[in-house]
C-alpha atoms as a PDB file:
ATOM      1  CA  MET A   1      29.407 129.204 111.842  1.00  0.00           C
ATOM      2  CA  LYS A   2      28.493 130.179 108.309  1.00  0.00           C
ATOM      3  CA  TRP A   3      28.203 126.962 106.394  1.00  0.00           C
ATOM      4  CA  LEU A   4      28.542 126.504 103.523  1.00  0.00           C
ATOM      5  CA  ASN A   5      29.932 129.094 101.167  1.00  0.00           C
ATOM      6  CA  PRO A   6      26.708 129.581  99.135  1.00  0.00           C
ATOM      7  CA  TRP A   7      28.722 129.827  95.904  1.00  0.00           C
ATOM      8  CA  PHE A   8      29.715 126.213  96.541  1.00  0.00           C
ATOM      9  CA  ALA A   9      26.641 124.958  98.397  1.00  0.00           C
ATOM     10  CA  ILE A  10      23.967 125.964  95.891  1.00  0.00           C
ATOM     11  CA  PRO A  11      25.530 124.271  92.818  1.00  0.00           C
ATOM     12  CA  ALA A  12      26.430 121.237  94.941  1.00  0.00           C
ATOM     13  CA  LEU A  13      22.863 120.886  96.239  1.00  0.00           C
ATOM     14  CA  LEU A  14      21.419 121.377  92.743  1.00  0.00           C
ATOM     15  CA  PHE A  15      23.709 118.620  91.454  1.00  0.00           C
ATOM     16  CA  ILE A  16      22.761 116.230  94.249  1.00  0.00           C
ATOM     17  CA  ASN A  17      19.019 116.922  94.012  1.00  0.00           C
ATOM     18  CA  THR A  18      19.005 116.668  90.217  1.00  0.00           C
ATOM     19  CA  GLY A  19      20.831 113.366  90.502  1.00  0.00           C
ATOM     20  CA  LEU A  20      18.303 112.063  93.015  1.00  0.00           C
ATOM     21  CA  VAL A  21      15.457 112.931  90.654  1.00  0.00           C
ATOM     22  CA  LEU A  22      17.230 111.152  87.786  1.00  0.00           C
ATOM     23  CA  LEU A  23      17.539 108.039  89.932  1.00  0.00           C
ATOM     24  CA  LEU A  24      13.742 107.890  90.048  1.00  0.00           C
ATOM     25  CA  PHE A  25      13.324 107.925  86.274  1.00  0.00           C
ATOM     26  CA  VAL A  26      16.502 106.495  84.729  1.00  0.00           C
ATOM     27  CA  PRO A  27      16.884 102.681  84.924  1.00  0.00           C
ATOM     28  CA  PHE A  28      19.946 101.607  86.886  1.00  0.00           C
ATOM     29  CA  GLY A  29      23.059 101.564  84.697  1.00  0.00           C
ATOM     30  CA  GLU A  30      21.527 103.509  81.816  1.00  0.00           C
ATOM     31  CA  GLU A  31      23.505 106.611  82.767  1.00  0.00           C
ATOM     32  CA  VAL A  32      26.744 104.762  81.994  1.00  0.00           C
ATOM     33  CA  LEU A  33      25.424 103.498  78.663  1.00  0.00           C
ATOM     34  CA  TYR A  34      24.077 106.961  77.795  1.00  0.00           C
ATOM     35  CA  PHE A  35      27.616 108.317  77.563  1.00  0.00           C
ATOM     36  CA  ASN A  36      28.585 105.716  74.927  1.00  0.00           C
ATOM     37  CA  ALA A  37      27.799 108.198  72.165  1.00  0.00           C
ATOM     38  CA  TRP A  38      29.859 110.902  73.860  1.00  0.00           C
ATOM     39  CA  ARG A  39      33.021 108.887  74.479  1.00  0.00           C
ATOM     40  CA  ALA A  40      35.194 110.475  71.820  1.00  0.00           C
ATOM     41  CA  GLU A  41      37.747 113.263  71.601  1.00  0.00           C
ATOM     42  CA  PRO A  42      38.040 115.892  72.965  1.00  0.00           C
ATOM     43  CA  LEU A  43      35.713 114.744  75.776  1.00  0.00           C
ATOM     44  CA  ASN A  44      37.795 111.637  76.474  1.00  0.00           C
ATOM     45  CA  THR A  45      40.882 113.718  77.231  1.00  0.00           C
ATOM     46  CA  PHE A  46      38.859 116.332  79.101  1.00  0.00           C
ATOM     47  CA  PHE A  47      37.274 113.846  81.494  1.00  0.00           C
ATOM     48  CA  ARG A  48      40.515 111.907  81.969  1.00  0.00           C
ATOM     49  CA  PHE A  49      41.968 115.214  83.183  1.00  0.00           C
ATOM     50  CA  CYS A  50      38.946 116.044  85.347  1.00  0.00           C
ATOM     51  CA  THR A  51      39.078 112.735  87.187  1.00  0.00           C
ATOM     52  CA  ARG A  52      42.685 113.447  88.215  1.00  0.00           C
ATOM     53  CA  LEU A  53      41.452 116.487  90.150  1.00  0.00           C
ATOM     54  CA  GLY A  54      39.856 114.112  92.657  1.00  0.00           C
ATOM     55  CA  GLU A  55      43.100 112.266  93.427  1.00  0.00           C
ATOM     56  CA  ALA A  56      45.452 112.617  96.383  1.00  0.00           C
ATOM     57  CA  PRO A  57      48.451 114.248  94.604  1.00  0.00           C
ATOM     58  CA  VAL A  58      46.350 117.326  93.759  1.00  0.00           C
ATOM     59  CA  PHE A  59      45.504 117.889  97.404  1.00  0.00           C
ATOM     60  CA  VAL A  60      49.047 117.240  98.581  1.00  0.00           C
ATOM     61  CA  VAL A  61      50.115 120.074  96.285  1.00  0.00           C
ATOM     62  CA  ILE A  62      47.273 122.316  97.534  1.00  0.00           C
ATOM     63  CA  GLY A  63      48.242 121.503 101.127  1.00  0.00           C
ATOM     64  CA  LEU A  64      51.867 122.437 100.487  1.00  0.00           C
ATOM     65  CA  ILE A  65      50.778 125.721  98.900  1.00  0.00           C
ATOM     66  CA  ALA A  66      48.518 126.366 101.908  1.00  0.00           C
ATOM     67  CA  LEU A  67      51.544 126.131 104.209  1.00  0.00           C
ATOM     68  CA  GLY A  68      52.824 129.308 102.616  1.00  0.00           C
ATOM     69  CA  PHE A  69      49.703 131.264 103.595  1.00  0.00           C
ATOM     70  CA  ARG A  70      48.214 129.756 106.748  1.00  0.00           C
ATOM     71  CA  TYR A  71      49.221 126.716 108.747  1.00  0.00           C
ATOM     72  CA  ARG A  72      45.533 126.436 109.651  1.00  0.00           C
ATOM     73  CA  TYR A  73      44.567 125.697 106.056  1.00  0.00           C
ATOM     74  CA  ALA A  74      47.270 123.076 105.621  1.00  0.00           C
ATOM     75  CA  LEU A  75      46.176 121.426 108.890  1.00  0.00           C
ATOM     76  CA  LEU A  76      42.529 121.304 107.801  1.00  0.00           C
ATOM     77  CA  ILE A  77      43.415 119.824 104.411  1.00  0.00           C
ATOM     78  CA  ALA A  78      45.544 117.179 106.119  1.00  0.00           C
ATOM     79  CA  LEU A  79      42.736 116.356 108.573  1.00  0.00           C
ATOM     80  CA  ALA A  80      40.227 116.054 105.733  1.00  0.00           C
ATOM     81  CA  GLY A  81      42.547 113.642 103.943  1.00  0.00           C
ATOM     82  CA  LEU A  82      42.960 111.566 107.092  1.00  0.00           C
ATOM     83  CA  VAL A  83      39.176 111.194 107.293  1.00  0.00           C
ATOM     84  CA  LEU A  84      38.368 110.834 103.580  1.00  0.00           C
ATOM     85  CA  VAL A  85      40.828 108.123 102.591  1.00  0.00           C
ATOM     86  CA  PRO A  86      40.159 105.502 105.290  1.00  0.00           C
ATOM     87  CA  LEU A  87      36.409 106.200 105.312  1.00  0.00           C
ATOM     88  CA  SER A  88      36.243 105.655 101.567  1.00  0.00           C
ATOM     89  CA  TYR A  89      37.940 102.268 101.861  1.00  0.00           C
ATOM     90  CA  VAL A  90      35.778 101.196 104.816  1.00  0.00           C
ATOM     91  CA  LEU A  91      32.534 102.115 103.038  1.00  0.00           C
ATOM     92  CA  LYS A  92      33.545 100.431  99.786  1.00  0.00           C
ATOM     93  CA  ASP A  93      34.616  97.222 101.503  1.00  0.00           C
ATOM     94  CA  ASN A  94      31.539  96.972 103.704  1.00  0.00           C
ATOM     95  CA  ILE A  95      28.908  97.921 101.129  1.00  0.00           C
ATOM     96  CA  GLY A  96      30.409  95.779  98.360  1.00  0.00           C
ATOM     97  CA  ALA A  97      28.499  97.197  95.372  1.00  0.00           C
ATOM     98  CA  ASP A  98      29.465  96.020  91.878  1.00  0.00           C
ATOM     99  CA  ARG A  99      31.509  98.329  89.684  1.00  0.00           C
ATOM    100  CA  PRO A 100      29.878  99.057  86.294  1.00  0.00           C
ATOM    101  CA  VAL A 101      32.094  96.652  84.348  1.00  0.00           C
ATOM    102  CA  THR A 102      31.333  93.858  86.846  1.00  0.00           C
ATOM    103  CA  TYR A 103      27.618  94.652  86.850  1.00  0.00           C
ATOM    104  CA  PHE A 104      27.372  94.611  83.054  1.00  0.00           C
ATOM    105  CA  GLU A 105      29.425  91.404  82.831  1.00  0.00           C
ATOM    106  CA  LYS A 106      26.954  89.686  85.166  1.00  0.00           C
ATOM    107  CA  LYS A 107      24.094  90.879  82.964  1.00  0.00           C
ATOM    108  CA  GLY A 108      25.895  89.600  79.852  1.00  0.00           C
ATOM    109  CA  ILE A 109      26.044  93.028  78.176  1.00  0.00           C
ATOM    110  CA  ARG A 110      29.642  94.006  78.928  1.00  0.00           C
ATOM    111  CA  ASP A 111      30.301  94.593  75.201  1.00  0.00           C
ATOM    112  CA  GLU A 112      27.630  97.281  75.085  1.00  0.00           C
ATOM    113  CA  VAL A 113      29.773  99.629  77.177  1.00  0.00           C
ATOM    114  CA  ALA A 114      32.071 101.849  75.104  1.00  0.00           C
ATOM    115  CA  LEU A 115      35.257 102.457  77.092  1.00  0.00           C
ATOM    116  CA  VAL A 116      37.606 105.436  77.052  1.00  0.00           C
ATOM    117  CA  PRO A 117      41.091 104.547  75.764  1.00  0.00           C
ATOM    118  CA  HIS A 118      44.024 104.690  78.208  1.00  0.00           C
ATOM    119  CA  VAL A 119      41.776 104.298  81.263  1.00  0.00           C
ATOM    120  CA  GLU A 120      42.322 101.341  83.578  1.00  0.00           C
ATOM    121  CA  ILE A 121      38.816 100.108  84.395  1.00  0.00           C
ATOM    122  CA  ASN A 122      38.227  99.019  87.978  1.00  0.00           C
ATOM    123  CA  GLY A 123      36.141  95.925  88.568  1.00  0.00           C
ATOM    124  CA  GLY A 124      34.946  94.048  91.628  1.00  0.00           C
ATOM    125  CA  GLN A 125      32.680  95.188  94.444  1.00  0.00           C
ATOM    126  CA  THR A 126      34.121  98.604  95.337  1.00  0.00           C
ATOM    127  CA  SER A 127      31.670 100.910  93.596  1.00  0.00           C
ATOM    128  CA  PHE A 128      29.808 102.729  96.392  1.00  0.00           C
ATOM    129  CA  PRO A 129      30.639 105.465  97.157  1.00  0.00           C
ATOM    130  CA  SER A 130      32.830 107.053  94.502  1.00  0.00           C
ATOM    131  CA  GLY A 131      36.103 107.828  96.281  1.00  0.00           C
ATOM    132  CA  HIS A 132      37.162 110.435  93.711  1.00  0.00           C
ATOM    133  CA  THR A 133      33.840 112.276  94.093  1.00  0.00           C
ATOM    134  CA  MET A 134      33.968 112.018  97.861  1.00  0.00           C
ATOM    135  CA  THR A 135      37.475 113.483  97.904  1.00  0.00           C
ATOM    136  CA  ALA A 136      36.602 116.241  95.436  1.00  0.00           C
ATOM    137  CA  PHE A 137      33.507 117.443  97.301  1.00  0.00           C
ATOM    138  CA  GLY A 138      35.261 117.138 100.653  1.00  0.00           C
ATOM    139  CA  MET A 139      38.420 118.975  99.668  1.00  0.00           C
ATOM    140  CA  PHE A 140      36.953 121.578  97.322  1.00  0.00           C
ATOM    141  CA  GLY A 141      34.114 122.216  99.782  1.00  0.00           C
ATOM    142  CA  LEU A 142      36.757 122.893 102.417  1.00  0.00           C
ATOM    143  CA  ILE A 143      38.711 125.171 100.083  1.00  0.00           C
ATOM    144  CA  ALA A 144      35.490 127.083  99.304  1.00  0.00           C
ATOM    145  CA  GLN A 145      35.159 127.754 103.029  1.00  0.00           C
ATOM    146  CA  MET A 146      38.747 128.960 103.269  1.00  0.00           C
ATOM    147  CA  VAL A 147      38.238 131.598 100.570  1.00  0.00           C
ATOM    148  CA  ARG A 148      34.655 132.579 101.479  1.00  0.00           C
ATOM    149  CA  ARG A 149      35.566 135.892 103.153  1.00  0.00           C
ATOM    150  CA  ARG A 150      38.054 137.275 100.656  1.00  0.00           C
ATOM    151  CA  ALA A 151      36.876 135.719  97.392  1.00  0.00           C
ATOM    152  CA  PRO A 152      33.571 133.897  97.990  1.00  0.00           C
ATOM    153  CA  TRP A 153      32.952 133.558  94.238  1.00  0.00           C
ATOM    154  CA  LEU A 154      35.867 131.115  94.053  1.00  0.00           C
ATOM    155  CA  GLY A 155      33.449 128.715  95.712  1.00  0.00           C
ATOM    156  CA  LEU A 156      31.700 128.463  92.345  1.00  0.00           C
ATOM    157  CA  ALA A 157      34.933 127.305  90.695  1.00  0.00           C
ATOM    158  CA  CYS A 158      35.365 124.773  93.514  1.00  0.00           C
ATOM    159  CA  ALA A 159      31.800 123.530  93.009  1.00  0.00           C
ATOM    160  CA  TRP A 160      32.198 123.120  89.255  1.00  0.00           C
ATOM    161  CA  THR A 161      35.477 121.294  89.732  1.00  0.00           C
ATOM    162  CA  ALA A 162      33.870 118.851  92.168  1.00  0.00           C
ATOM    163  CA  LEU A 163      30.889 118.356  89.825  1.00  0.00           C
ATOM    164  CA  LEU A 164      33.149 117.595  86.880  1.00  0.00           C
ATOM    165  CA  VAL A 165      35.095 115.064  88.931  1.00  0.00           C
ATOM    166  CA  GLY A 166      31.810 113.334  89.761  1.00  0.00           C
ATOM    167  CA  LEU A 167      30.628 113.347  86.136  1.00  0.00           C
ATOM    168  CA  SER A 168      34.003 112.052  84.986  1.00  0.00           C
ATOM    169  CA  ARG A 169      33.547 108.904  87.072  1.00  0.00           C
ATOM    170  CA  ILE A 170      30.348 108.045  85.166  1.00  0.00           C
ATOM    171  CA  PHE A 171      31.795 109.116  81.814  1.00  0.00           C
ATOM    172  CA  LEU A 172      34.843 106.880  82.332  1.00  0.00           C
ATOM    173  CA  ALA A 173      32.541 103.952  83.278  1.00  0.00           C
ATOM    174  CA  GLN A 174      34.082 103.670  86.739  1.00  0.00           C
ATOM    175  CA  HIS A 175      30.931 104.395  88.754  1.00  0.00           C
ATOM    176  CA  PHE A 176      27.157 104.644  88.620  1.00  0.00           C
ATOM    177  CA  LEU A 177      25.219 107.831  89.358  1.00  0.00           C
ATOM    178  CA  ILE A 178      24.229 106.592  92.820  1.00  0.00           C
ATOM    179  CA  ASP A 179      27.923 106.081  93.675  1.00  0.00           C
ATOM    180  CA  VAL A 180      28.716 109.645  92.646  1.00  0.00           C
ATOM    181  CA  LEU A 181      25.807 111.081  94.656  1.00  0.00           C
ATOM    182  CA  GLY A 182      26.860 109.055  97.695  1.00  0.00           C
ATOM    183  CA  GLY A 183      30.392 110.395  97.334  1.00  0.00           C
ATOM    184  CA  ALA A 184      29.162 113.980  96.939  1.00  0.00           C
ATOM    185  CA  VAL A 185      26.972 113.866 100.056  1.00  0.00           C
ATOM    186  CA  THR A 186      29.652 112.153 102.155  1.00  0.00           C
ATOM    187  CA  GLY A 187      32.332 114.569 100.950  1.00  0.00           C
ATOM    188  CA  CYS A 188      30.209 117.609 101.859  1.00  0.00           C
ATOM    189  CA  LEU A 189      29.556 116.173 105.324  1.00  0.00           C
ATOM    190  CA  ILE A 190      33.265 115.610 105.885  1.00  0.00           C
ATOM    191  CA  ALA A 191      34.062 119.164 104.786  1.00  0.00           C
ATOM    192  CA  TRP A 192      31.454 120.422 107.265  1.00  0.00           C
ATOM    193  CA  PHE A 193      32.881 118.211 110.021  1.00  0.00           C
ATOM    194  CA  VAL A 194      36.476 119.360 109.486  1.00  0.00           C
ATOM    195  CA  TRP A 195      35.475 123.030 109.288  1.00  0.00           C
ATOM    196  CA  SER A 196      33.432 122.662 112.482  1.00  0.00           C
ATOM    197  CA  LEU A 197      36.614 121.438 114.212  1.00  0.00           C
ATOM    198  CA  ASN A 198      38.301 124.627 113.051  1.00  0.00           C
ATOM    199  CA  ASP A 199      35.479 126.788 114.453  1.00  0.00           C
ATOM    200  CA  ARG A 200      35.315 124.911 117.729  1.00  0.00           C
ATOM    201  CA  PHE A 201      38.964 124.250 118.511  1.00  0.00           C
ATOM    202  CA  PHE A 202      41.585 125.604 116.137  1.00  0.00           C
ATOM    203  CA  GLN A 203      40.170 129.132 115.848  1.00  0.00           C
ATOM    204  CA  LYS A 204      41.644 129.916 119.274  1.00  0.00           C
ATOM    205  CA  TRP A 205      45.182 129.144 118.153  1.00  0.00           C
ATOM    206  CA  SER A 206      46.325 132.397 116.559  1.00  0.00           C
ATOM    207  CA  PHE A 207      49.725 131.006 115.582  1.00  0.00           C
ATOM    208  CA  LEU A 208      47.940 128.859 112.994  1.00  0.00           C
ATOM    209  CA  ASP A 209      47.203 132.054 111.066  1.00  0.00           C
ATOM    210  CA  ARG A 210      50.858 132.379 110.305  1.00  0.00           C
ATOM    211  CA  GLY A 211      52.433 130.699 107.312  1.00  0.00           C
ATOM    212  CA  ILE A 212      55.834 130.229 105.742  1.00  0.00           C
ATOM    213  CA  LEU A 213      55.211 133.387 103.689  1.00  0.00           C
ATOM    214  CA  ARG A 214      52.975 135.037 106.291  1.00  0.00           C
ATOM    215  CA  ARG A 215      54.464 135.817 109.661  1.00  0.00           C
ATOM    216  CA  ILE A 216      51.724 137.911 111.231  1.00  0.00           C
ATOM    217  CA  PRO A 217      48.146 136.802 111.864  1.00  0.00           C
ATOM    218  CA  GLY A 218      45.503 138.800 110.068  1.00  0.00           C
END
């Protein structure tokens, strides 16, 4: 099995490793405060849009489109969703890390955080990992694998999309850097797991290479 599409894997690994280095030198929470000066138009609108790319409706649409080309792709996207969503909730509930707004309230510096207008800020103890980032890296990592033979360079677009989703969560003051990195790593592992199921089991089923618009395997 060739894993991952290098056009996706290399930027993803650079992002994760750079983030890990930053964790060593940047005091916890400073990354959220750093973006205070940047929270203005057009970046506010841009990152509000980016964060939507890590939400379920986007992947429902992608899954429906995939049905037209290969049932295999739609099946893999559905399987990834069935793993990502419950795992995200289980991890958040069991780890119980403070969201940025809750963390800063406890420290008495909540007013120091500049917020993006028209964004509903999540509080409580559901910060780690970032579900949006986890979904983005899982789904776009999977899509990068699907296109790796015919258009491997599309993996770069998938990687940048996933990275922007992760950055948007910090920019919108919904998550800390460590939450985003945790989501990125977990998402990549889930993409690998789902694709390994395809290589091990589903590859034998040639009828899955058909689609609503594609009647013959190829």
